[in-house]
N, C-alpha and C. Protein backbone atom coordinates (compact mmCIF):
# COMPACT_ATOMS: atom_id res chain seq x y z
N MET A 1 0.85 -1.20 0.00
CA MET A 1 0.00 0.00 0.00
C MET A 1 0.89 1.24 0.00
N ALA A 2 1.44 1.52 -1.16
CA ALA A 2 2.43 2.59 -1.26
C ALA A 2 1.85 3.96 -0.94
N PHE A 3 0.52 4.10 -1.12
CA PHE A 3 -0.06 5.44 -0.92
C PHE A 3 -0.04 5.84 0.55
N LEU A 4 0.27 4.90 1.44
CA LEU A 4 0.35 5.22 2.86
C LEU A 4 1.75 5.64 3.29
N VAL A 5 2.71 5.50 2.39
CA VAL A 5 4.08 5.86 2.72
C VAL A 5 4.21 7.38 2.79
N LYS A 6 4.70 7.86 3.92
CA LYS A 6 4.83 9.31 4.10
C LYS A 6 6.14 9.80 3.52
N LYS A 7 6.11 11.03 3.04
CA LYS A 7 7.34 11.64 2.54
C LYS A 7 8.29 11.92 3.71
N LYS A 8 9.57 11.78 3.43
CA LYS A 8 10.57 12.10 4.44
C LYS A 8 10.68 13.61 4.57
N LYS A 9 10.89 14.08 5.81
CA LYS A 9 11.00 15.51 6.08
C LYS A 9 12.41 15.88 6.49
N PHE A 10 12.85 17.04 6.05
CA PHE A 10 14.19 17.51 6.33
C PHE A 10 14.18 18.99 6.71
N LYS A 11 15.18 19.38 7.50
CA LYS A 11 15.41 20.79 7.79
C LYS A 11 16.88 21.08 7.53
N PHE A 12 17.13 22.18 6.83
CA PHE A 12 18.51 22.57 6.51
C PHE A 12 18.77 24.00 7.00
N GLN A 13 19.93 24.18 7.64
CA GLN A 13 20.40 25.53 7.92
C GLN A 13 21.02 26.06 6.64
N THR A 14 20.50 27.16 6.16
CA THR A 14 20.89 27.67 4.85
C THR A 14 21.58 29.02 4.97
N HIS A 15 22.67 29.17 4.25
CA HIS A 15 23.38 30.45 4.16
C HIS A 15 23.42 30.86 2.70
N LEU A 16 22.74 31.94 2.36
CA LEU A 16 22.70 32.44 1.00
C LEU A 16 23.43 33.78 0.96
N THR A 17 24.50 33.83 0.20
CA THR A 17 25.25 35.08 0.04
C THR A 17 24.94 35.69 -1.31
N LEU A 18 24.38 36.88 -1.26
CA LEU A 18 24.09 37.63 -2.47
C LEU A 18 25.39 38.33 -2.87
N GLU A 19 26.02 37.86 -3.94
CA GLU A 19 27.34 38.35 -4.30
C GLU A 19 27.28 39.62 -5.15
N GLU A 20 26.83 39.48 -6.40
CA GLU A 20 26.87 40.62 -7.30
C GLU A 20 25.97 40.41 -8.50
N LEU A 21 25.72 41.51 -9.19
CA LEU A 21 25.01 41.49 -10.47
C LEU A 21 25.92 42.13 -11.49
N THR A 22 26.23 41.40 -12.55
CA THR A 22 27.12 41.93 -13.59
C THR A 22 26.36 42.08 -14.90
N ALA A 23 27.00 42.75 -15.86
CA ALA A 23 26.40 43.03 -17.17
C ALA A 23 25.10 43.80 -17.03
N VAL A 24 25.08 44.75 -16.08
CA VAL A 24 23.91 45.61 -15.91
C VAL A 24 23.81 46.54 -17.12
N PRO A 25 22.63 46.66 -17.73
CA PRO A 25 22.52 47.39 -19.00
C PRO A 25 22.52 48.92 -18.88
N PHE A 26 22.72 49.47 -17.70
CA PHE A 26 22.80 50.92 -17.58
C PHE A 26 23.96 51.28 -16.66
N VAL A 27 24.44 52.53 -16.80
CA VAL A 27 25.67 52.93 -16.11
C VAL A 27 25.43 53.54 -14.74
N ASN A 28 24.19 53.93 -14.45
CA ASN A 28 23.92 54.45 -13.11
C ASN A 28 22.55 53.99 -12.63
N GLY A 29 22.29 54.23 -11.38
CA GLY A 29 21.06 53.77 -10.77
C GLY A 29 21.35 53.08 -9.44
N VAL A 30 20.31 52.83 -8.67
CA VAL A 30 20.43 52.15 -7.39
C VAL A 30 19.59 50.88 -7.44
N LEU A 31 20.24 49.75 -7.17
CA LEU A 31 19.57 48.45 -7.24
C LEU A 31 19.53 47.78 -5.88
N PHE A 32 18.52 46.96 -5.68
CA PHE A 32 18.45 46.12 -4.48
C PHE A 32 17.72 44.84 -4.84
N CYS A 33 17.81 43.86 -3.96
CA CYS A 33 17.18 42.56 -4.20
C CYS A 33 16.22 42.22 -3.06
N LYS A 34 15.16 41.55 -3.43
CA LYS A 34 14.25 40.99 -2.44
C LYS A 34 14.28 39.47 -2.61
N MET A 35 14.47 38.77 -1.49
CA MET A 35 14.52 37.31 -1.52
C MET A 35 13.32 36.74 -0.78
N ARG A 36 12.75 35.68 -1.36
CA ARG A 36 11.58 35.06 -0.73
C ARG A 36 11.60 33.57 -0.97
N LEU A 37 11.42 32.81 0.10
CA LEU A 37 11.31 31.37 -0.01
C LEU A 37 9.88 31.06 -0.42
N MET A 38 9.72 30.50 -1.62
CA MET A 38 8.39 30.26 -2.17
C MET A 38 7.68 29.11 -1.46
N ASP A 39 8.46 28.16 -0.96
CA ASP A 39 7.91 27.06 -0.18
C ASP A 39 9.01 26.57 0.75
N GLY A 40 8.63 25.86 1.80
CA GLY A 40 9.62 25.34 2.74
C GLY A 40 10.00 26.29 3.85
N GLY A 41 9.23 27.36 4.01
CA GLY A 41 9.53 28.31 5.08
C GLY A 41 8.93 29.68 4.78
N ASP A 42 9.12 30.61 5.71
CA ASP A 42 8.55 31.95 5.54
C ASP A 42 9.63 33.01 5.44
N PHE A 43 10.82 32.63 4.96
CA PHE A 43 11.93 33.58 4.86
C PHE A 43 11.67 34.63 3.78
N THR A 44 11.79 35.88 4.16
CA THR A 44 11.81 37.00 3.22
C THR A 44 12.84 38.01 3.72
N ALA A 45 13.55 38.63 2.82
CA ALA A 45 14.55 39.62 3.21
C ALA A 45 14.87 40.52 2.02
N SER A 46 15.40 41.68 2.33
CA SER A 46 15.83 42.61 1.29
C SER A 46 17.29 42.97 1.50
N SER A 47 17.98 43.19 0.41
CA SER A 47 19.40 43.56 0.49
C SER A 47 19.52 45.06 0.71
N THR A 48 20.76 45.49 0.87
CA THR A 48 21.03 46.92 0.91
C THR A 48 20.85 47.48 -0.50
N ARG A 49 20.73 48.78 -0.58
CA ARG A 49 20.58 49.46 -1.88
C ARG A 49 21.94 49.99 -2.30
N GLU A 50 22.39 49.51 -3.45
CA GLU A 50 23.75 49.84 -3.91
C GLU A 50 23.71 50.47 -5.29
N GLU A 51 24.67 51.37 -5.53
CA GLU A 51 24.74 52.05 -6.82
C GLU A 51 25.44 51.19 -7.87
N VAL A 52 25.00 51.35 -9.10
CA VAL A 52 25.65 50.69 -10.22
C VAL A 52 27.00 51.35 -10.47
N GLN A 53 28.05 50.54 -10.55
CA GLN A 53 29.39 51.03 -10.84
C GLN A 53 30.02 50.13 -11.90
N GLU A 54 30.40 50.73 -13.02
CA GLU A 54 30.99 49.99 -14.13
C GLU A 54 30.11 48.81 -14.55
N ASN A 55 28.81 49.10 -14.67
CA ASN A 55 27.82 48.12 -15.11
C ASN A 55 27.71 46.90 -14.18
N SER A 56 28.05 47.11 -12.91
CA SER A 56 27.95 46.03 -11.93
C SER A 56 27.45 46.58 -10.60
N VAL A 57 26.85 45.69 -9.82
CA VAL A 57 26.44 46.03 -8.46
C VAL A 57 26.94 44.92 -7.55
N ARG A 58 27.61 45.29 -6.46
CA ARG A 58 28.14 44.29 -5.53
C ARG A 58 27.49 44.46 -4.16
N TRP A 59 26.91 43.37 -3.68
CA TRP A 59 26.30 43.39 -2.34
C TRP A 59 27.16 42.65 -1.33
N ARG A 60 27.54 41.42 -1.66
CA ARG A 60 28.30 40.56 -0.76
C ARG A 60 27.67 40.52 0.63
N LYS A 61 26.39 40.25 0.63
CA LYS A 61 25.60 40.20 1.87
C LYS A 61 25.10 38.78 2.11
N ARG A 62 25.30 38.30 3.34
CA ARG A 62 24.91 36.91 3.66
C ARG A 62 23.62 36.90 4.46
N PHE A 63 22.74 35.98 4.10
CA PHE A 63 21.47 35.78 4.78
C PHE A 63 21.40 34.34 5.28
N SER A 64 20.89 34.14 6.48
CA SER A 64 20.78 32.79 7.05
C SER A 64 19.33 32.51 7.41
N PHE A 65 18.88 31.30 7.10
CA PHE A 65 17.51 30.91 7.40
C PHE A 65 17.40 29.40 7.39
N VAL A 66 16.30 28.89 7.94
CA VAL A 66 16.05 27.45 7.95
C VAL A 66 15.10 27.12 6.81
N CYS A 67 15.45 26.09 6.05
CA CYS A 67 14.67 25.67 4.89
C CYS A 67 14.14 24.25 5.13
N LYS A 68 12.83 24.07 5.01
CA LYS A 68 12.22 22.75 5.19
C LYS A 68 11.99 22.11 3.83
N MET A 69 12.30 20.82 3.74
CA MET A 69 12.12 20.09 2.49
C MET A 69 11.51 18.73 2.76
N SER A 70 11.00 18.15 1.69
CA SER A 70 10.52 16.77 1.75
C SER A 70 11.18 16.00 0.61
N ALA A 71 11.08 14.67 0.68
CA ALA A 71 11.70 13.84 -0.36
C ALA A 71 10.76 12.72 -0.75
N ASN A 72 10.87 12.32 -1.99
CA ASN A 72 10.10 11.19 -2.48
C ASN A 72 10.48 9.95 -1.68
N PRO A 73 9.51 9.25 -1.05
CA PRO A 73 9.84 8.10 -0.20
C PRO A 73 10.43 6.92 -0.96
N ASN A 74 10.19 6.86 -2.26
CA ASN A 74 10.68 5.73 -3.05
C ASN A 74 12.08 5.98 -3.61
N THR A 75 12.33 7.21 -4.08
CA THR A 75 13.63 7.51 -4.70
C THR A 75 14.59 8.23 -3.75
N GLY A 76 14.06 8.90 -2.73
CA GLY A 76 14.91 9.66 -1.82
C GLY A 76 15.35 10.99 -2.38
N VAL A 77 14.84 11.36 -3.57
CA VAL A 77 15.21 12.64 -4.20
C VAL A 77 14.41 13.78 -3.58
N LEU A 78 15.09 14.83 -3.19
CA LEU A 78 14.43 15.98 -2.57
C LEU A 78 13.48 16.66 -3.54
N ASP A 79 12.32 17.07 -3.02
CA ASP A 79 11.35 17.80 -3.83
C ASP A 79 11.83 19.23 -4.05
N PRO A 80 11.38 19.89 -5.12
CA PRO A 80 11.78 21.28 -5.37
C PRO A 80 11.41 22.20 -4.22
N CYS A 81 12.31 23.13 -3.94
CA CYS A 81 12.10 24.13 -2.89
C CYS A 81 12.74 25.42 -3.40
N VAL A 82 11.92 26.33 -3.89
CA VAL A 82 12.43 27.48 -4.63
C VAL A 82 12.56 28.74 -3.77
N CYS A 83 13.70 29.38 -3.91
CA CYS A 83 13.92 30.71 -3.32
C CYS A 83 14.06 31.68 -4.49
N ARG A 84 13.20 32.68 -4.55
CA ARG A 84 13.24 33.65 -5.65
C ARG A 84 14.01 34.90 -5.22
N VAL A 85 14.96 35.28 -6.06
CA VAL A 85 15.70 36.53 -5.85
C VAL A 85 15.26 37.51 -6.93
N SER A 86 14.60 38.57 -6.49
CA SER A 86 14.07 39.58 -7.41
C SER A 86 14.96 40.81 -7.38
N VAL A 87 15.43 41.24 -8.55
CA VAL A 87 16.30 42.42 -8.66
C VAL A 87 15.45 43.63 -9.03
N ARG A 88 15.62 44.71 -8.27
CA ARG A 88 14.77 45.89 -8.46
C ARG A 88 15.61 47.17 -8.53
N LYS A 89 15.08 48.14 -9.26
CA LYS A 89 15.76 49.43 -9.41
C LYS A 89 14.92 50.53 -8.79
N GLU A 90 15.60 51.37 -8.00
CA GLU A 90 14.90 52.49 -7.35
C GLU A 90 14.41 53.50 -8.38
N LEU A 91 13.22 54.04 -8.11
CA LEU A 91 12.66 55.13 -8.91
C LEU A 91 12.20 56.24 -7.97
N LYS A 92 12.18 57.44 -8.47
CA LYS A 92 11.68 58.59 -7.71
C LYS A 92 12.36 58.72 -6.34
N GLY A 93 13.69 58.60 -6.37
CA GLY A 93 14.44 58.78 -5.14
C GLY A 93 14.19 57.72 -4.09
N GLY A 94 13.82 56.54 -4.51
CA GLY A 94 13.59 55.45 -3.57
C GLY A 94 12.16 55.29 -3.13
N LYS A 95 11.28 56.16 -3.61
CA LYS A 95 9.86 56.07 -3.22
C LYS A 95 9.11 55.00 -4.00
N ALA A 96 9.70 54.56 -5.09
CA ALA A 96 9.10 53.51 -5.91
C ALA A 96 10.23 52.69 -6.52
N TYR A 97 9.87 51.62 -7.21
CA TYR A 97 10.89 50.79 -7.85
C TYR A 97 10.29 50.07 -9.05
N SER A 98 11.19 49.61 -9.91
CA SER A 98 10.77 48.77 -11.04
C SER A 98 11.48 47.43 -10.91
N LYS A 99 10.81 46.37 -11.34
CA LYS A 99 11.38 45.03 -11.27
C LYS A 99 12.16 44.75 -12.55
N LEU A 100 13.46 44.50 -12.39
CA LEU A 100 14.30 44.26 -13.56
C LEU A 100 14.28 42.80 -13.99
N GLY A 101 14.15 41.90 -13.05
CA GLY A 101 14.17 40.48 -13.36
C GLY A 101 14.33 39.66 -12.10
N PHE A 102 14.35 38.35 -12.26
CA PHE A 102 14.46 37.49 -11.08
C PHE A 102 15.23 36.21 -11.43
N ALA A 103 15.68 35.53 -10.39
CA ALA A 103 16.31 34.21 -10.53
C ALA A 103 15.67 33.29 -9.52
N ASP A 104 15.20 32.14 -9.97
CA ASP A 104 14.62 31.12 -9.08
C ASP A 104 15.68 30.08 -8.78
N LEU A 105 15.99 29.90 -7.50
CA LEU A 105 17.00 28.94 -7.07
C LEU A 105 16.32 27.76 -6.40
N ASN A 106 16.51 26.57 -6.94
CA ASN A 106 15.96 25.37 -6.33
C ASN A 106 16.92 24.93 -5.23
N MET A 107 16.56 25.21 -3.98
CA MET A 107 17.46 24.94 -2.87
C MET A 107 17.79 23.46 -2.72
N ALA A 108 16.91 22.60 -3.23
CA ALA A 108 17.15 21.15 -3.14
C ALA A 108 18.42 20.74 -3.87
N GLU A 109 18.81 21.52 -4.89
CA GLU A 109 20.01 21.18 -5.65
C GLU A 109 21.28 21.39 -4.82
N PHE A 110 21.21 22.24 -3.80
CA PHE A 110 22.40 22.61 -3.03
C PHE A 110 22.50 21.88 -1.70
N ALA A 111 21.50 21.07 -1.36
CA ALA A 111 21.43 20.43 -0.04
C ALA A 111 22.65 19.56 0.23
N GLY A 112 23.30 19.81 1.36
CA GLY A 112 24.41 18.97 1.80
C GLY A 112 25.67 19.07 0.97
N SER A 113 25.78 20.07 0.11
CA SER A 113 26.92 20.12 -0.82
C SER A 113 27.99 21.13 -0.41
N GLY A 114 28.01 21.50 0.86
CA GLY A 114 29.00 22.48 1.27
C GLY A 114 28.62 23.86 0.75
N SER A 115 29.56 24.58 0.19
CA SER A 115 29.29 25.91 -0.35
C SER A 115 29.44 25.89 -1.87
N THR A 116 28.39 26.33 -2.56
CA THR A 116 28.38 26.27 -4.02
C THR A 116 28.06 27.64 -4.60
N ALA A 117 28.84 28.07 -5.57
CA ALA A 117 28.57 29.33 -6.27
C ALA A 117 27.73 29.03 -7.50
N ARG A 118 26.82 29.93 -7.78
CA ARG A 118 25.94 29.75 -8.95
C ARG A 118 25.73 31.11 -9.60
N CYS A 119 25.87 31.16 -10.92
CA CYS A 119 25.56 32.36 -11.69
C CYS A 119 24.28 32.11 -12.48
N CYS A 120 23.37 33.07 -12.45
CA CYS A 120 22.07 32.89 -13.10
C CYS A 120 21.76 34.07 -14.01
N LEU A 121 21.34 33.78 -15.21
CA LEU A 121 20.82 34.83 -16.08
C LEU A 121 19.46 35.26 -15.53
N LEU A 122 19.27 36.55 -15.39
CA LEU A 122 17.98 37.04 -14.89
C LEU A 122 16.86 36.71 -15.87
N GLU A 123 15.74 36.29 -15.33
CA GLU A 123 14.54 36.08 -16.14
C GLU A 123 13.66 37.32 -16.04
N GLY A 124 12.96 37.61 -17.11
CA GLY A 124 12.12 38.80 -17.12
C GLY A 124 10.72 38.55 -16.59
N TYR A 125 10.13 39.57 -16.00
CA TYR A 125 8.76 39.47 -15.52
C TYR A 125 7.78 39.58 -16.69
N ASP A 126 8.19 40.29 -17.72
CA ASP A 126 7.32 40.49 -18.88
C ASP A 126 7.54 39.35 -19.86
N THR A 127 6.62 38.41 -19.89
CA THR A 127 6.78 37.23 -20.74
C THR A 127 6.44 37.50 -22.21
N LYS A 128 5.88 38.67 -22.49
CA LYS A 128 5.50 39.00 -23.87
C LYS A 128 6.67 39.49 -24.70
N HIS A 129 7.72 39.94 -24.02
CA HIS A 129 8.87 40.49 -24.74
C HIS A 129 10.14 39.78 -24.29
N THR A 130 11.04 39.54 -25.23
CA THR A 130 12.31 38.91 -24.93
C THR A 130 13.22 39.93 -24.24
N ARG A 131 13.94 39.45 -23.21
CA ARG A 131 14.87 40.34 -22.53
C ARG A 131 16.00 40.75 -23.47
N GLN A 132 16.37 42.03 -23.41
CA GLN A 132 17.40 42.56 -24.29
C GLN A 132 18.78 42.56 -23.63
N ASP A 133 18.84 42.29 -22.34
CA ASP A 133 20.13 42.32 -21.64
C ASP A 133 20.47 40.93 -21.12
N ASN A 134 21.71 40.79 -20.68
CA ASN A 134 22.18 39.50 -20.17
C ASN A 134 22.76 39.65 -18.77
N SER A 135 22.04 40.33 -17.91
CA SER A 135 22.52 40.52 -16.55
C SER A 135 22.65 39.17 -15.84
N ILE A 136 23.76 39.00 -15.12
CA ILE A 136 24.04 37.74 -14.44
C ILE A 136 24.14 37.96 -12.95
N LEU A 137 23.31 37.25 -12.21
CA LEU A 137 23.30 37.32 -10.75
C LEU A 137 24.15 36.19 -10.19
N LYS A 138 25.07 36.54 -9.31
CA LYS A 138 25.92 35.52 -8.69
C LYS A 138 25.57 35.39 -7.21
N VAL A 139 25.36 34.16 -6.79
CA VAL A 139 25.07 33.85 -5.39
C VAL A 139 25.96 32.71 -4.94
N THR A 140 26.15 32.60 -3.62
CA THR A 140 26.83 31.45 -3.04
C THR A 140 25.89 30.85 -2.00
N ILE A 141 25.68 29.54 -2.08
CA ILE A 141 24.73 28.88 -1.19
C ILE A 141 25.40 27.73 -0.46
N GLY A 142 25.20 27.69 0.85
CA GLY A 142 25.69 26.59 1.67
C GLY A 142 24.54 26.07 2.52
N MET A 143 24.40 24.75 2.61
CA MET A 143 23.29 24.16 3.37
C MET A 143 23.80 23.02 4.24
N MET A 144 23.34 23.00 5.50
CA MET A 144 23.75 21.95 6.43
C MET A 144 22.50 21.29 7.01
N LEU A 145 22.47 19.97 7.01
CA LEU A 145 21.31 19.22 7.50
C LEU A 145 21.16 19.39 9.01
N LEU A 146 19.97 19.84 9.42
CA LEU A 146 19.66 19.99 10.84
C LEU A 146 18.90 18.79 11.38
N SER A 147 17.95 18.29 10.58
CA SER A 147 17.18 17.12 11.01
C SER A 147 16.70 16.35 9.78
N GLY A 148 16.55 15.05 9.94
CA GLY A 148 16.12 14.20 8.84
C GLY A 148 17.16 13.15 8.50
N ASP A 149 16.77 12.16 7.73
CA ASP A 149 17.64 11.08 7.31
C ASP A 149 18.77 11.62 6.42
N PRO A 150 20.03 11.39 6.78
CA PRO A 150 21.13 11.92 5.96
C PRO A 150 21.27 11.23 4.60
N CYS A 151 20.54 10.14 4.40
CA CYS A 151 20.62 9.43 3.11
C CYS A 151 19.55 9.97 2.16
N PHE A 152 19.84 11.09 1.54
CA PHE A 152 18.93 11.68 0.56
C PHE A 152 19.69 11.95 -0.73
N LYS A 153 18.96 12.24 -1.78
CA LYS A 153 19.57 12.57 -3.07
C LYS A 153 19.11 13.95 -3.51
N THR A 154 20.00 14.67 -4.15
CA THR A 154 19.63 15.98 -4.69
C THR A 154 19.18 15.79 -6.14
N PRO A 155 18.26 16.64 -6.61
CA PRO A 155 17.82 16.55 -8.01
C PRO A 155 18.93 16.99 -8.95
N PRO A 156 18.83 16.64 -10.23
CA PRO A 156 19.85 17.08 -11.20
C PRO A 156 19.94 18.60 -11.23
N SER A 157 21.14 19.11 -11.39
CA SER A 157 21.35 20.55 -11.43
C SER A 157 20.70 21.17 -12.65
N THR A 158 20.07 22.33 -12.44
CA THR A 158 19.48 23.06 -13.56
C THR A 158 20.42 24.14 -14.07
N ALA A 159 21.66 24.18 -13.53
CA ALA A 159 22.62 25.19 -13.96
C ALA A 159 22.91 25.04 -15.43
N LYS A 160 22.94 26.18 -16.12
CA LYS A 160 23.23 26.19 -17.55
C LYS A 160 24.60 26.80 -17.78
N SER A 161 25.23 26.38 -18.84
CA SER A 161 26.53 26.94 -19.18
C SER A 161 26.36 28.39 -19.62
N ILE A 162 27.10 29.28 -19.00
CA ILE A 162 27.05 30.69 -19.36
C ILE A 162 28.44 31.11 -19.82
N SER A 163 28.54 31.55 -21.03
CA SER A 163 29.83 32.01 -21.55
C SER A 163 29.95 33.50 -21.28
N VAL A 164 30.90 33.86 -20.43
CA VAL A 164 31.06 35.25 -20.03
C VAL A 164 32.30 35.83 -20.67
N ALA A 165 32.11 36.84 -21.51
CA ALA A 165 33.23 37.45 -22.22
C ALA A 165 34.22 38.06 -21.23
N GLY A 166 35.49 37.84 -21.46
CA GLY A 166 36.52 38.45 -20.62
C GLY A 166 36.82 37.67 -19.36
N ARG A 167 36.19 36.51 -19.17
CA ARG A 167 36.48 35.73 -17.98
C ARG A 167 37.16 34.43 -18.39
N ASP A 168 38.03 33.92 -17.50
CA ASP A 168 38.72 32.68 -17.84
C ASP A 168 37.83 31.48 -17.57
N SER A 169 38.32 30.32 -17.97
CA SER A 169 37.49 29.11 -17.92
C SER A 169 37.11 28.72 -16.50
N SER A 170 37.96 29.04 -15.51
CA SER A 170 37.63 28.65 -14.14
C SER A 170 36.38 29.36 -13.66
N LEU A 171 36.19 30.61 -14.10
CA LEU A 171 34.99 31.34 -13.70
C LEU A 171 33.79 30.87 -14.50
N GLN A 172 34.01 30.43 -15.72
CA GLN A 172 32.89 29.88 -16.47
C GLN A 172 32.39 28.60 -15.81
N LEU A 173 33.32 27.78 -15.31
CA LEU A 173 32.91 26.59 -14.59
C LEU A 173 32.09 26.98 -13.37
N ASP A 174 32.54 28.03 -12.70
CA ASP A 174 31.81 28.52 -11.53
C ASP A 174 30.40 28.90 -11.90
N CYS A 175 30.23 29.50 -13.08
CA CYS A 175 28.90 29.90 -13.52
C CYS A 175 28.02 28.71 -13.85
N LYS A 176 28.62 27.58 -14.13
CA LYS A 176 27.84 26.38 -14.35
C LYS A 176 27.41 25.74 -13.04
N GLY A 177 28.00 26.21 -11.94
CA GLY A 177 27.67 25.61 -10.65
C GLY A 177 28.36 24.27 -10.47
N GLU A 178 29.44 24.03 -11.21
CA GLU A 178 30.08 22.73 -11.15
C GLU A 178 31.44 22.76 -10.48
N GLY A 179 32.21 23.80 -10.68
CA GLY A 179 33.56 23.78 -10.14
C GLY A 179 33.86 25.04 -9.36
N THR A 180 33.82 24.96 -8.05
CA THR A 180 34.09 26.16 -7.26
C THR A 180 35.49 26.15 -6.69
N SER A 181 36.28 25.12 -7.01
CA SER A 181 37.59 24.99 -6.38
C SER A 181 38.53 26.15 -6.76
N GLU A 182 38.35 26.70 -7.97
CA GLU A 182 39.21 27.80 -8.39
C GLU A 182 38.87 29.10 -7.67
N VAL A 183 37.60 29.22 -7.28
CA VAL A 183 37.15 30.48 -6.70
C VAL A 183 37.04 30.39 -5.18
N PHE A 184 36.58 29.26 -4.68
CA PHE A 184 36.41 29.07 -3.24
C PHE A 184 37.09 27.77 -2.80
N PRO A 185 38.42 27.71 -2.87
CA PRO A 185 39.10 26.44 -2.61
C PRO A 185 38.87 25.89 -1.21
N ARG A 186 38.68 26.74 -0.22
CA ARG A 186 38.53 26.25 1.14
C ARG A 186 37.12 25.74 1.44
N LEU A 187 36.19 26.09 0.57
CA LEU A 187 34.80 25.76 0.85
C LEU A 187 34.33 24.52 0.11
N THR A 188 35.15 24.00 -0.81
CA THR A 188 34.74 22.85 -1.59
C THR A 188 34.75 21.59 -0.73
N LYS A 189 33.66 20.84 -0.78
CA LYS A 189 33.56 19.59 -0.03
C LYS A 189 33.08 18.50 -0.98
N HIS A 190 33.56 17.29 -0.77
CA HIS A 190 33.11 16.16 -1.55
C HIS A 190 32.15 15.34 -0.72
N ARG A 191 30.98 15.09 -1.27
CA ARG A 191 29.99 14.32 -0.54
C ARG A 191 30.27 12.84 -0.67
N PRO A 192 30.00 12.06 0.38
CA PRO A 192 30.13 10.60 0.25
C PRO A 192 29.20 10.09 -0.83
N SER A 193 29.57 8.96 -1.44
CA SER A 193 28.78 8.43 -2.55
C SER A 193 27.36 8.09 -2.14
N ILE A 194 27.13 7.82 -0.85
CA ILE A 194 25.79 7.46 -0.40
C ILE A 194 24.83 8.63 -0.53
N LEU A 195 25.38 9.83 -0.58
CA LEU A 195 24.54 11.02 -0.73
C LEU A 195 24.59 11.48 -2.18
N GLY A 196 24.43 10.59 -3.09
CA GLY A 196 24.61 10.87 -4.52
C GLY A 196 23.88 12.09 -5.00
N SER A 197 24.34 12.64 -6.07
CA SER A 197 23.80 13.90 -6.58
C SER A 197 22.48 13.73 -7.30
N GLY A 198 22.07 12.50 -7.52
CA GLY A 198 20.83 12.29 -8.25
C GLY A 198 21.03 12.22 -9.74
N LYS A 199 22.28 12.41 -10.18
CA LYS A 199 22.57 12.36 -11.61
C LYS A 199 22.78 10.91 -12.02
N ARG A 200 22.38 10.59 -13.23
CA ARG A 200 22.56 9.25 -13.73
C ARG A 200 23.63 9.19 -14.79
């Protein structure tokens, strides 16, 4: 009677560092981010407001919160748990703002993997028009299991290869979310095989 099998529950201590936004399509302005856990908790937070400098904005701000997840009882693969990072630009001296784009991060992909850097192309809120810019949001995510069975699997990574002009291959690997050893050598950890990545 498989329908009576309950999903496994997990809690992770999560550290999300909002690093920077590059390839910003304008030379001035004030940007900030709002983060919200879409499921698995009630975390919401906003970053500081920073000025665009040389088509980039750097926050380097760390946020900590607890993320709850569940897993398929048959496969052990963690269910999706999305944290949305919305990038916004100040208008009218900070009295209003416009939404530039967002990045959805599936926290299940980062569970138990030490500290992982990920670069994401911003998605547009306006689905009727194609985005004209290629702004890239960089975050670093670290997650530690607080409660639950340590024998779980993470879903396949949704990271896409991003070719960034003027950057060497080690940073391109970082943008794929695959190789952080060149950028964060002290934070790279290898998971035991029992905690497989879910990749086949």
